[in-house]
Amino acid sequence: MKKIFMLTAVFLLCVSAAHAAFLEVPIEGTIDGGLAEFVERNITEARAMRADGIIFHVDTPGGRLDSAVRIKELILSAKIPTIAYVDLNAISAGALITLACDSIYMATGASIGAATAVDLEGKKASEKVISFMRAQMRATAEARGRRPDVAEAMVDEDIAISGFTVKGKLLTLTYEEALKVGVSNGTVSGMSDILTRIGKPGTPVVTARINWAEKVVRFLTDPIVSSLLMSIGFLGLLIELKTPGFGLGGALAVVAFTLFFGSHYIVKLAGVGEILLLVGGLVLVLLEIFVFPGFGVAG
């Protein structure tokens, strides 16, 4: 896998040798752990090819908060110019990623905001999580010289922005409103328009492509899929405990937990500690099945 990444970096370097280039990195669909890995790889490759900068092509309804925070941190520490091009939507966690970029350009009809944290059922998260997200949005806006109160209003409905939202309503800005409050640097018609506005007309743009391994990891770390894998794992364990020997339930549990923890370990959302706890738990359950009768202390 590393060999493939290196070959990609060499190819991009060759492309940029004759003429400097921008690297376009898509931020599309649900934000997950696999996307964070994809972004990290391409920031590294952009620096290796000495690109003029990275253009993050954003169209997302949001996703995992932990993955969005990691992507935000990667962008803030990228040590290369970063531009967000909001083609349609930068909603929820997507707004945090967008605010982390040096400059933001939005297409006609695009929107940004509604960044309060919710669970898988769409219900508002606890005040602890909301407070964390509010601080993340504020700190990111401050780091890029944007209005922190506007960023906070996207998370907290108790914050009102005169002329744009009232208390009790989350802030979501249209492309025109984002320009008025200084969130957006301009409204553009496409990638070539962005290059013209930043004084780099005609500069080549190389689009980053997600590889098959990253596609698999993105699928497995999707919030819905990962929750389903965990449910299947526990269901398999329950079936195994109620049936003699080692059968279908145990096999389902092993496969589901391996896919869940394996994919999360790859994207740094799970560490050795979590995996050791899982293995220890499975060993105790197996002892309960094969060594001790009934359901007791080990189980």
C-alpha atoms as a PDB file:
ATOM      1  CA  MET A   1       0.000   0.000   0.000  1.00  0.00           C
ATOM      2  CA  LYS A   2       2.819   2.408   0.867  1.00  0.00           C
ATOM      3  CA  LYS A   3       4.381   1.632  -2.520  1.00  0.00           C
ATOM      4  CA  ILE A   4       1.184   2.717  -4.266  1.00  0.00           C
ATOM      5  CA  PHE A   5       1.122   5.960  -2.255  1.00  0.00           C
ATOM      6  CA  MET A   6       4.758   6.663  -3.145  1.00  0.00           C
ATOM      7  CA  LEU A   7       4.128   6.024  -6.846  1.00  0.00           C
ATOM      8  CA  THR A   8       1.197   8.437  -6.703  1.00  0.00           C
ATOM      9  CA  ALA A   9       3.373  11.067  -5.045  1.00  0.00           C
ATOM     10  CA  VAL A  10       6.089  10.600  -7.675  1.00  0.00           C
ATOM     11  CA  PHE A  11       3.522  10.953 -10.456  1.00  0.00           C
ATOM     12  CA  LEU A  12       2.172  14.172  -8.955  1.00  0.00           C
ATOM     13  CA  LEU A  13       5.721  15.452  -8.528  1.00  0.00           C
ATOM     14  CA  CYS A  14       6.408  14.810 -12.219  1.00  0.00           C
ATOM     15  CA  VAL A  15       3.228  16.629 -13.161  1.00  0.00           C
ATOM     16  CA  SER A  16       4.273  19.633 -11.111  1.00  0.00           C
ATOM     17  CA  ALA A  17       7.875  19.653 -12.319  1.00  0.00           C
ATOM     18  CA  ALA A  18       7.046  21.529 -15.522  1.00  0.00           C
ATOM     19  CA  HIS A  19       4.414  23.735 -13.957  1.00  0.00           C
ATOM     20  CA  ALA A  20       3.201  24.283 -10.405  1.00  0.00           C
ATOM     21  CA  ALA A  21      -0.175  22.747  -9.660  1.00  0.00           C
ATOM     22  CA  PHE A  22      -3.005  22.695  -7.144  1.00  0.00           C
ATOM     23  CA  LEU A  23      -4.213  19.439  -5.650  1.00  0.00           C
ATOM     24  CA  GLU A  24      -7.999  19.083  -5.518  1.00  0.00           C
ATOM     25  CA  VAL A  25      -9.166  16.893  -2.618  1.00  0.00           C
ATOM     26  CA  PRO A  26     -12.876  15.924  -2.562  1.00  0.00           C
ATOM     27  CA  ILE A  27     -14.699  16.145   0.783  1.00  0.00           C
ATOM     28  CA  GLU A  28     -17.852  14.349  -0.288  1.00  0.00           C
ATOM     29  CA  GLY A  29     -20.523  12.228   1.364  1.00  0.00           C
ATOM     30  CA  THR A  30     -20.527  11.290   5.031  1.00  0.00           C
ATOM     31  CA  ILE A  31     -17.424  12.311   6.972  1.00  0.00           C
ATOM     32  CA  ASP A  32     -15.801   9.181   8.409  1.00  0.00           C
ATOM     33  CA  GLY A  33     -12.455   7.841   9.566  1.00  0.00           C
ATOM     34  CA  GLY A  34     -11.485   6.719   6.080  1.00  0.00           C
ATOM     35  CA  LEU A  35     -11.906  10.269   4.789  1.00  0.00           C
ATOM     36  CA  ALA A  36      -9.511  11.531   7.463  1.00  0.00           C
ATOM     37  CA  GLU A  37      -6.876   9.046   6.255  1.00  0.00           C
ATOM     38  CA  PHE A  38      -7.481  10.144   2.659  1.00  0.00           C
ATOM     39  CA  VAL A  39      -7.008  13.802   3.585  1.00  0.00           C
ATOM     40  CA  GLU A  40      -3.838  13.090   5.563  1.00  0.00           C
ATOM     41  CA  ARG A  41      -2.290  11.159   2.668  1.00  0.00           C
ATOM     42  CA  ASN A  42      -3.048  13.898   0.165  1.00  0.00           C
ATOM     43  CA  ILE A  43      -1.732  16.710   2.367  1.00  0.00           C
ATOM     44  CA  THR A  44       1.531  14.769   2.595  1.00  0.00           C
ATOM     45  CA  GLU A  45       1.603  14.266  -1.178  1.00  0.00           C
ATOM     46  CA  ALA A  46       0.781  17.929  -1.850  1.00  0.00           C
ATOM     47  CA  ARG A  47       3.791  18.971   0.209  1.00  0.00           C
ATOM     48  CA  ALA A  48       5.944  16.368  -1.571  1.00  0.00           C
ATOM     49  CA  MET A  49       4.955  17.675  -5.011  1.00  0.00           C
ATOM     50  CA  ARG A  50       5.471  21.268  -3.811  1.00  0.00           C
ATOM     51  CA  ALA A  51       1.976  22.163  -4.914  1.00  0.00           C
ATOM     52  CA  ASP A  52       0.796  25.758  -4.969  1.00  0.00           C
ATOM     53  CA  GLY A  53      -1.922  24.692  -2.558  1.00  0.00           C
ATOM     54  CA  ILE A  54      -4.806  22.320  -1.848  1.00  0.00           C
ATOM     55  CA  ILE A  55      -8.383  22.969  -2.916  1.00  0.00           C
ATOM     56  CA  PHE A  56     -10.852  21.006  -0.782  1.00  0.00           C
ATOM     57  CA  HIS A  57     -13.955  20.440  -2.897  1.00  0.00           C
ATOM     58  CA  VAL A  58     -16.678  20.324  -0.222  1.00  0.00           C
ATOM     59  CA  ASP A  59     -20.154  18.820  -0.522  1.00  0.00           C
ATOM     60  CA  THR A  60     -21.119  16.988   2.665  1.00  0.00           C
ATOM     61  CA  PRO A  61     -24.057  16.736   5.087  1.00  0.00           C
ATOM     62  CA  GLY A  62     -21.638  16.037   7.949  1.00  0.00           C
ATOM     63  CA  GLY A  63     -20.703  12.855   9.785  1.00  0.00           C
ATOM     64  CA  ARG A  64     -18.400  11.736  12.590  1.00  0.00           C
ATOM     65  CA  LEU A  65     -17.303  14.557  14.884  1.00  0.00           C
ATOM     66  CA  ASP A  66     -14.024  12.867  15.853  1.00  0.00           C
ATOM     67  CA  SER A  67     -13.074  12.421  12.187  1.00  0.00           C
ATOM     68  CA  ALA A  68     -14.013  16.024  11.370  1.00  0.00           C
ATOM     69  CA  VAL A  69     -11.867  17.301  14.256  1.00  0.00           C
ATOM     70  CA  ARG A  70      -8.926  15.256  13.007  1.00  0.00           C
ATOM     71  CA  ILE A  71      -9.345  16.599   9.454  1.00  0.00           C
ATOM     72  CA  LYS A  72      -9.590  20.137  10.854  1.00  0.00           C
ATOM     73  CA  GLU A  73      -6.333  19.649  12.734  1.00  0.00           C
ATOM     74  CA  LEU A  74      -4.638  18.255   9.625  1.00  0.00           C
ATOM     75  CA  ILE A  75      -5.698  21.305   7.592  1.00  0.00           C
ATOM     76  CA  LEU A  76      -4.652  23.823  10.254  1.00  0.00           C
ATOM     77  CA  SER A  77      -1.191  22.233  10.418  1.00  0.00           C
ATOM     78  CA  ALA A  78      -0.868  21.563   6.675  1.00  0.00           C
ATOM     79  CA  LYS A  79       1.923  24.126   6.109  1.00  0.00           C
ATOM     80  CA  ILE A  80       0.576  24.687   2.604  1.00  0.00           C
ATOM     81  CA  PRO A  81      -2.126  27.113   1.361  1.00  0.00           C
ATOM     82  CA  THR A  82      -5.610  25.614   1.714  1.00  0.00           C
ATOM     83  CA  ILE A  83      -8.791  26.646  -0.075  1.00  0.00           C
ATOM     84  CA  ALA A  84     -12.324  25.351   0.508  1.00  0.00           C
ATOM     85  CA  TYR A  85     -14.617  25.284  -2.510  1.00  0.00           C
ATOM     86  CA  VAL A  86     -18.157  24.701  -1.238  1.00  0.00           C
ATOM     87  CA  ASP A  87     -19.947  23.387  -4.296  1.00  0.00           C
ATOM     88  CA  LEU A  88     -23.287  22.651  -2.603  1.00  0.00           C
ATOM     89  CA  ASN A  89     -23.271  22.042   1.150  1.00  0.00           C
ATOM     90  CA  ALA A  90     -20.858  22.335   4.067  1.00  0.00           C
ATOM     91  CA  ILE A  91     -23.214  21.215   6.808  1.00  0.00           C
ATOM     92  CA  SER A  92     -22.531  20.133  10.402  1.00  0.00           C
ATOM     93  CA  ALA A  93     -19.023  18.626  10.639  1.00  0.00           C
ATOM     94  CA  GLY A  94     -18.434  19.828   7.070  1.00  0.00           C
ATOM     95  CA  ALA A  95     -18.680  23.422   8.301  1.00  0.00           C
ATOM     96  CA  LEU A  96     -15.848  22.794  10.783  1.00  0.00           C
ATOM     97  CA  ILE A  97     -13.596  21.423   8.036  1.00  0.00           C
ATOM     98  CA  THR A  98     -14.426  24.332   5.746  1.00  0.00           C
ATOM     99  CA  LEU A  99     -13.678  26.956   8.406  1.00  0.00           C
ATOM    100  CA  ALA A 100     -10.221  25.428   8.896  1.00  0.00           C
ATOM    101  CA  CYS A 101      -9.120  26.445   5.394  1.00  0.00           C
ATOM    102  CA  ASP A 102      -7.189  29.647   4.686  1.00  0.00           C
ATOM    103  CA  SER A 103      -9.853  30.878   2.268  1.00  0.00           C
ATOM    104  CA  ILE A 104     -13.395  29.829   1.380  1.00  0.00           C
ATOM    105  CA  TYR A 105     -15.181  30.214  -1.940  1.00  0.00           C
ATOM    106  CA  MET A 106     -18.797  29.192  -2.447  1.00  0.00           C
ATOM    107  CA  ALA A 107     -20.796  28.387  -5.555  1.00  0.00           C
ATOM    108  CA  THR A 108     -24.173  29.982  -6.261  1.00  0.00           C
ATOM    109  CA  GLY A 109     -26.773  28.080  -4.248  1.00  0.00           C
ATOM    110  CA  ALA A 110     -24.295  26.692  -1.698  1.00  0.00           C
ATOM    111  CA  SER A 111     -24.808  26.819   2.074  1.00  0.00           C
ATOM    112  CA  ILE A 112     -22.798  26.366   5.264  1.00  0.00           C
ATOM    113  CA  GLY A 113     -23.772  25.864   8.908  1.00  0.00           C
ATOM    114  CA  ALA A 114     -26.187  23.800  11.056  1.00  0.00           C
ATOM    115  CA  ALA A 115     -23.229  22.360  12.933  1.00  0.00           C
ATOM    116  CA  THR A 116     -24.811  21.212  16.186  1.00  0.00           C
ATOM    117  CA  ALA A 117     -23.892  17.640  17.095  1.00  0.00           C
ATOM    118  CA  VAL A 118     -26.587  14.939  16.807  1.00  0.00           C
ATOM    119  CA  ASP A 119     -26.736  11.175  17.325  1.00  0.00           C
ATOM    120  CA  LEU A 120     -27.586   8.523  14.701  1.00  0.00           C
ATOM    121  CA  GLU A 121     -31.297   9.147  15.288  1.00  0.00           C
ATOM    122  CA  GLY A 122     -30.916  12.856  14.584  1.00  0.00           C
ATOM    123  CA  LYS A 123     -31.476  13.858  18.216  1.00  0.00           C
ATOM    124  CA  LYS A 124     -29.419  16.664  19.733  1.00  0.00           C
ATOM    125  CA  ALA A 125     -26.306  15.448  21.542  1.00  0.00           C
ATOM    126  CA  SER A 126     -25.563  16.103  25.208  1.00  0.00           C
ATOM    127  CA  GLU A 127     -24.489  19.554  26.399  1.00  0.00           C
ATOM    128  CA  LYS A 128     -20.986  18.158  26.934  1.00  0.00           C
ATOM    129  CA  VAL A 129     -20.680  17.275  23.232  1.00  0.00           C
ATOM    130  CA  ILE A 130     -22.338  20.526  22.133  1.00  0.00           C
ATOM    131  CA  SER A 131     -19.911  22.513  24.290  1.00  0.00           C
ATOM    132  CA  PHE A 132     -16.968  20.685  22.722  1.00  0.00           C
ATOM    133  CA  MET A 133     -18.248  21.354  19.183  1.00  0.00           C
ATOM    134  CA  ARG A 134     -18.928  25.013  20.013  1.00  0.00           C
ATOM    135  CA  ALA A 135     -15.352  25.424  21.245  1.00  0.00           C
ATOM    136  CA  GLN A 136     -13.970  23.676  18.159  1.00  0.00           C
ATOM    137  CA  MET A 137     -15.910  25.982  15.827  1.00  0.00           C
ATOM    138  CA  ARG A 138     -14.930  29.116  17.735  1.00  0.00           C
ATOM    139  CA  ALA A 139     -11.234  28.210  17.963  1.00  0.00           C
ATOM    140  CA  THR A 140     -11.096  27.291  14.258  1.00  0.00           C
ATOM    141  CA  ALA A 141     -12.739  30.568  13.224  1.00  0.00           C
ATOM    142  CA  GLU A 142     -10.342  32.540  15.412  1.00  0.00           C
ATOM    143  CA  ALA A 143      -7.352  30.684  13.943  1.00  0.00           C
ATOM    144  CA  ARG A 144      -8.371  31.839  10.460  1.00  0.00           C
ATOM    145  CA  GLY A 145      -9.428  35.384  11.401  1.00  0.00           C
ATOM    146  CA  ARG A 146     -13.162  34.811  10.986  1.00  0.00           C
ATOM    147  CA  ARG A 147     -15.962  35.875  13.303  1.00  0.00           C
ATOM    148  CA  PRO A 148     -16.102  33.395  16.221  1.00  0.00           C
ATOM    149  CA  ASP A 149     -19.668  34.370  17.142  1.00  0.00           C
ATOM    150  CA  VAL A 150     -20.863  33.357  13.667  1.00  0.00           C
ATOM    151  CA  ALA A 151     -19.120  29.986  13.996  1.00  0.00           C
ATOM    152  CA  GLU A 152     -20.635  29.419  17.453  1.00  0.00           C
ATOM    153  CA  ALA A 153     -24.130  30.349  16.214  1.00  0.00           C
ATOM    154  CA  MET A 154     -23.901  27.414  13.783  1.00  0.00           C
ATOM    155  CA  VAL A 155     -23.719  25.111  16.831  1.00  0.00           C
ATOM    156  CA  ASP A 156     -25.669  26.891  19.558  1.00  0.00           C
ATOM    157  CA  GLU A 157     -29.215  28.141  18.902  1.00  0.00           C
ATOM    158  CA  ASP A 158     -28.954  30.428  21.946  1.00  0.00           C
ATOM    159  CA  ILE A 159     -26.534  32.671  20.027  1.00  0.00           C
ATOM    160  CA  ALA A 160     -28.241  35.158  17.718  1.00  0.00           C
ATOM    161  CA  ILE A 161     -26.547  36.991  14.845  1.00  0.00           C
ATOM    162  CA  SER A 162     -28.380  40.208  14.080  1.00  0.00           C
ATOM    163  CA  GLY A 163     -29.868  40.221  10.599  1.00  0.00           C
ATOM    164  CA  PHE A 164     -29.213  36.526  10.007  1.00  0.00           C
ATOM    165  CA  THR A 165     -30.760  34.432  12.780  1.00  0.00           C
ATOM    166  CA  VAL A 166     -32.760  34.847  15.973  1.00  0.00           C
ATOM    167  CA  LYS A 167     -32.286  33.167  19.327  1.00  0.00           C
ATOM    168  CA  GLY A 168     -33.628  29.620  19.246  1.00  0.00           C
ATOM    169  CA  LYS A 169     -32.586  28.931  15.640  1.00  0.00           C
ATOM    170  CA  LEU A 170     -29.318  27.438  14.400  1.00  0.00           C
ATOM    171  CA  LEU A 171     -27.388  29.527  11.902  1.00  0.00           C
ATOM    172  CA  THR A 172     -27.091  28.258   8.337  1.00  0.00           C
ATOM    173  CA  LEU A 173     -25.737  30.753   5.816  1.00  0.00           C
ATOM    174  CA  THR A 174     -26.444  30.948   2.116  1.00  0.00           C
ATOM    175  CA  TYR A 175     -23.554  31.790  -0.208  1.00  0.00           C
ATOM    176  CA  GLU A 176     -24.598  35.470  -0.195  1.00  0.00           C
ATOM    177  CA  GLU A 177     -24.974  35.639   3.598  1.00  0.00           C
ATOM    178  CA  ALA A 178     -21.616  33.903   4.101  1.00  0.00           C
ATOM    179  CA  LEU A 179     -19.999  36.590   1.974  1.00  0.00           C
ATOM    180  CA  LYS A 180     -21.645  39.376   3.985  1.00  0.00           C
ATOM    181  CA  VAL A 181     -20.431  38.099   7.369  1.00  0.00           C
ATOM    182  CA  GLY A 182     -16.928  37.355   6.118  1.00  0.00           C
ATOM    183  CA  VAL A 183     -17.114  33.564   6.195  1.00  0.00           C
ATOM    184  CA  SER A 184     -16.771  33.363   2.405  1.00  0.00           C
ATOM    185  CA  ASN A 185     -14.089  35.106   0.377  1.00  0.00           C
ATOM    186  CA  GLY A 186     -16.245  35.176  -2.732  1.00  0.00           C
ATOM    187  CA  THR A 187     -18.913  33.549  -4.887  1.00  0.00           C
ATOM    188  CA  VAL A 188     -17.464  31.599  -7.813  1.00  0.00           C
ATOM    189  CA  SER A 189     -18.690  29.709 -10.857  1.00  0.00           C
ATOM    190  CA  GLY A 190     -16.149  26.908 -10.658  1.00  0.00           C
ATOM    191  CA  MET A 191     -12.550  25.885 -10.162  1.00  0.00           C
ATOM    192  CA  SER A 192     -11.164  28.124 -12.917  1.00  0.00           C
ATOM    193  CA  ASP A 193     -12.896  31.126 -11.343  1.00  0.00           C
ATOM    194  CA  ILE A 194     -11.163  30.382  -8.011  1.00  0.00           C
ATOM    195  CA  LEU A 195      -7.764  30.262  -9.733  1.00  0.00           C
ATOM    196  CA  THR A 196      -8.441  33.616 -11.380  1.00  0.00           C
ATOM    197  CA  ARG A 197      -9.481  35.231  -8.096  1.00  0.00           C
ATOM    198  CA  ILE A 198      -6.333  34.089  -6.285  1.00  0.00           C
ATOM    199  CA  GLY A 199      -4.107  35.284  -9.126  1.00  0.00           C
ATOM    200  CA  LYS A 200      -3.229  31.822 -10.490  1.00  0.00           C
ATOM    201  CA  PRO A 201      -5.221  31.606 -13.746  1.00  0.00           C
ATOM    202  CA  GLY A 202      -4.483  28.594 -15.895  1.00  0.00           C
ATOM    203  CA  THR A 203      -2.635  26.715 -13.138  1.00  0.00           C
ATOM    204  CA  PRO A 204      -3.157  22.929 -13.518  1.00  0.00           C
ATOM    205  CA  VAL A 205      -5.403  21.231 -10.968  1.00  0.00           C
ATOM    206  CA  VAL A 206      -4.668  17.582 -10.159  1.00  0.00           C
ATOM    207  CA  THR A 207      -7.656  15.739  -8.648  1.00  0.00           C
ATOM    208  CA  ALA A 208      -6.849  13.277  -5.866  1.00  0.00           C
ATOM    209  CA  ARG A 209      -8.422   9.835  -6.280  1.00  0.00           C
ATOM    210  CA  ILE A 210      -9.436   7.571  -3.426  1.00  0.00           C
ATOM    211  CA  ASN A 211      -7.943   4.083  -3.738  1.00  0.00           C
ATOM    212  CA  TRP A 212      -9.788   0.794  -3.181  1.00  0.00           C
ATOM    213  CA  ALA A 213      -8.387   0.303   0.322  1.00  0.00           C
ATOM    214  CA  GLU A 214      -9.572   3.755   1.405  1.00  0.00           C
ATOM    215  CA  LYS A 215     -12.994   3.030  -0.112  1.00  0.00           C
ATOM    216  CA  VAL A 216     -13.285  -0.129   1.992  1.00  0.00           C
ATOM    217  CA  VAL A 217     -12.194   1.681   5.160  1.00  0.00           C
ATOM    218  CA  ARG A 218     -14.580   4.570   4.461  1.00  0.00           C
ATOM    219  CA  PHE A 219     -17.440   2.085   4.086  1.00  0.00           C
ATOM    220  CA  LEU A 220     -16.585   0.226   7.304  1.00  0.00           C
ATOM    221  CA  THR A 221     -16.126   3.416   9.365  1.00  0.00           C
ATOM    222  CA  ASP A 222     -19.363   4.988   8.159  1.00  0.00           C
ATOM    223  CA  PRO A 223     -21.361   5.764  11.348  1.00  0.00           C
ATOM    224  CA  ILE A 224     -24.298   3.579  10.275  1.00  0.00           C
ATOM    225  CA  VAL A 225     -22.174   0.646   9.088  1.00  0.00           C
ATOM    226  CA  SER A 226     -19.912   0.687  12.169  1.00  0.00           C
ATOM    227  CA  SER A 227     -22.963   0.727  14.475  1.00  0.00           C
ATOM    228  CA  LEU A 228     -24.434  -2.189  12.525  1.00  0.00           C
ATOM    229  CA  LEU A 229     -21.185  -4.168  12.842  1.00  0.00           C
ATOM    230  CA  MET A 230     -21.132  -3.645  16.611  1.00  0.00           C
ATOM    231  CA  SER A 231     -24.789  -4.744  16.893  1.00  0.00           C
ATOM    232  CA  ILE A 232     -24.117  -7.869  14.812  1.00  0.00           C
ATOM    233  CA  GLY A 233     -21.113  -8.663  17.016  1.00  0.00           C
ATOM    234  CA  PHE A 234     -23.094  -8.517  20.256  1.00  0.00           C
ATOM    235  CA  LEU A 235     -26.002 -10.404  18.703  1.00  0.00           C
ATOM    236  CA  GLY A 236     -23.597 -13.153  17.617  1.00  0.00           C
ATOM    237  CA  LEU A 237     -22.228 -13.389  21.157  1.00  0.00           C
ATOM    238  CA  LEU A 238     -25.728 -13.715  22.614  1.00  0.00           C
ATOM    239  CA  ILE A 239     -26.587 -16.468  20.131  1.00  0.00           C
ATOM    240  CA  GLU A 240     -23.331 -18.278  20.927  1.00  0.00           C
ATOM    241  CA  LEU A 241     -23.994 -18.164  24.664  1.00  0.00           C
ATOM    242  CA  LYS A 242     -27.385 -19.821  24.196  1.00  0.00           C
ATOM    243  CA  THR A 243     -26.208 -22.580  21.836  1.00  0.00           C
ATOM    244  CA  PRO A 244     -23.802 -25.461  22.571  1.00  0.00           C
ATOM    245  CA  GLY A 245     -20.308 -25.445  21.002  1.00  0.00           C
ATOM    246  CA  PHE A 246     -18.878 -22.838  18.677  1.00  0.00           C
ATOM    247  CA  GLY A 247     -21.146 -22.092  15.719  1.00  0.00           C
ATOM    248  CA  LEU A 248     -22.636 -19.431  13.498  1.00  0.00           C
ATOM    249  CA  GLY A 249     -23.164 -16.908  16.290  1.00  0.00           C
ATOM    250  CA  GLY A 250     -19.531 -17.006  17.359  1.00  0.00           C
ATOM    251  CA  ALA A 251     -18.315 -16.747  13.778  1.00  0.00           C
ATOM    252  CA  LEU A 252     -20.543 -13.720  13.147  1.00  0.00           C
ATOM    253  CA  ALA A 253     -19.243 -12.047  16.309  1.00  0.00           C
ATOM    254  CA  VAL A 254     -15.603 -12.618  15.384  1.00  0.00           C
ATOM    255  CA  VAL A 255     -16.057 -11.324  11.823  1.00  0.00           C
ATOM    256  CA  ALA A 256     -18.111  -8.284  12.894  1.00  0.00           C
ATOM    257  CA  PHE A 257     -15.735  -7.255  15.689  1.00  0.00           C
ATOM    258  CA  THR A 258     -12.691  -7.825  13.478  1.00  0.00           C
ATOM    259  CA  LEU A 259     -14.115  -5.576  10.758  1.00  0.00           C
ATOM    260  CA  PHE A 260     -15.155  -2.924  13.300  1.00  0.00           C
ATOM    261  CA  PHE A 261     -11.963  -2.740  15.337  1.00  0.00           C
ATOM    262  CA  GLY A 262      -9.673  -3.453  12.371  1.00  0.00           C
ATOM    263  CA  SER A 263     -11.032  -0.554  10.318  1.00  0.00           C
ATOM    264  CA  HIS A 264     -11.049   1.788  13.311  1.00  0.00           C
ATOM    265  CA  TYR A 265      -7.489   0.820  14.203  1.00  0.00           C
ATOM    266  CA  ILE A 266      -6.356   1.681  10.657  1.00  0.00           C
ATOM    267  CA  VAL A 267      -7.845   5.167  10.883  1.00  0.00           C
ATOM    268  CA  LYS A 268      -6.550   5.694  14.446  1.00  0.00           C
ATOM    269  CA  LEU A 269     -10.027   5.678  16.054  1.00  0.00           C
ATOM    270  CA  ALA A 270      -9.128   2.580  18.067  1.00  0.00           C
ATOM    271  CA  GLY A 271      -5.829   1.666  19.671  1.00  0.00           C
ATOM    272  CA  VAL A 272      -4.115  -1.407  21.052  1.00  0.00           C
ATOM    273  CA  GLY A 273      -5.930  -0.971  24.368  1.00  0.00           C
ATOM    274  CA  GLU A 274      -9.385  -1.363  22.804  1.00  0.00           C
ATOM    275  CA  ILE A 275      -8.281  -4.392  20.778  1.00  0.00           C
ATOM    276  CA  LEU A 276      -6.764  -6.077  23.875  1.00  0.00           C
ATOM    277  CA  LEU A 277     -10.018  -5.489  25.762  1.00  0.00           C
ATOM    278  CA  LEU A 278     -11.975  -7.064  22.910  1.00  0.00           C
ATOM    279  CA  VAL A 279      -9.648 -10.099  22.698  1.00  0.00           C
ATOM    280  CA  GLY A 280      -9.742 -10.507  26.482  1.00  0.00           C
ATOM    281  CA  GLY A 281     -13.527 -10.391  26.470  1.00  0.00           C
ATOM    282  CA  LEU A 282     -13.779 -12.960  23.681  1.00  0.00           C
ATOM    283  CA  VAL A 283     -11.369 -15.294  25.536  1.00  0.00           C
ATOM    284  CA  LEU A 284     -13.515 -15.057  28.677  1.00  0.00           C
ATOM    285  CA  VAL A 285     -16.663 -15.780  26.676  1.00  0.00           C
ATOM    286  CA  LEU A 286     -14.992 -18.803  25.052  1.00  0.00           C
ATOM    287  CA  LEU A 287     -13.978 -20.036  28.517  1.00  0.00           C
ATOM    288  CA  GLU A 288     -17.592 -19.665  29.572  1.00  0.00           C
ATOM    289  CA  ILE A 289     -18.745 -21.688  26.571  1.00  0.00           C
ATOM    290  CA  PHE A 290     -16.214 -24.528  26.608  1.00  0.00           C
ATOM    291  CA  VAL A 291     -14.881 -24.724  30.191  1.00  0.00           C
ATOM    292  CA  PHE A 292     -17.403 -23.452  32.731  1.00  0.00           C
ATOM    293  CA  PRO A 293     -21.026 -24.647  32.740  1.00  0.00           C
ATOM    294  CA  GLY A 294     -23.834 -22.087  32.586  1.00  0.00           C
ATOM    295  CA  PHE A 295     -23.307 -18.321  32.600  1.00  0.00           C
ATOM    296  CA  GLY A 296     -21.062 -17.134  35.399  1.00  0.00           C
ATOM    297  CA  VAL A 297     -18.182 -14.851  36.345  1.00  0.00           C
ATOM    298  CA  ALA A 298     -16.133 -15.285  33.153  1.00  0.00           C
ATOM    299  CA  GLY A 299     -19.103 -14.530  30.904  1.00  0.00           C
END
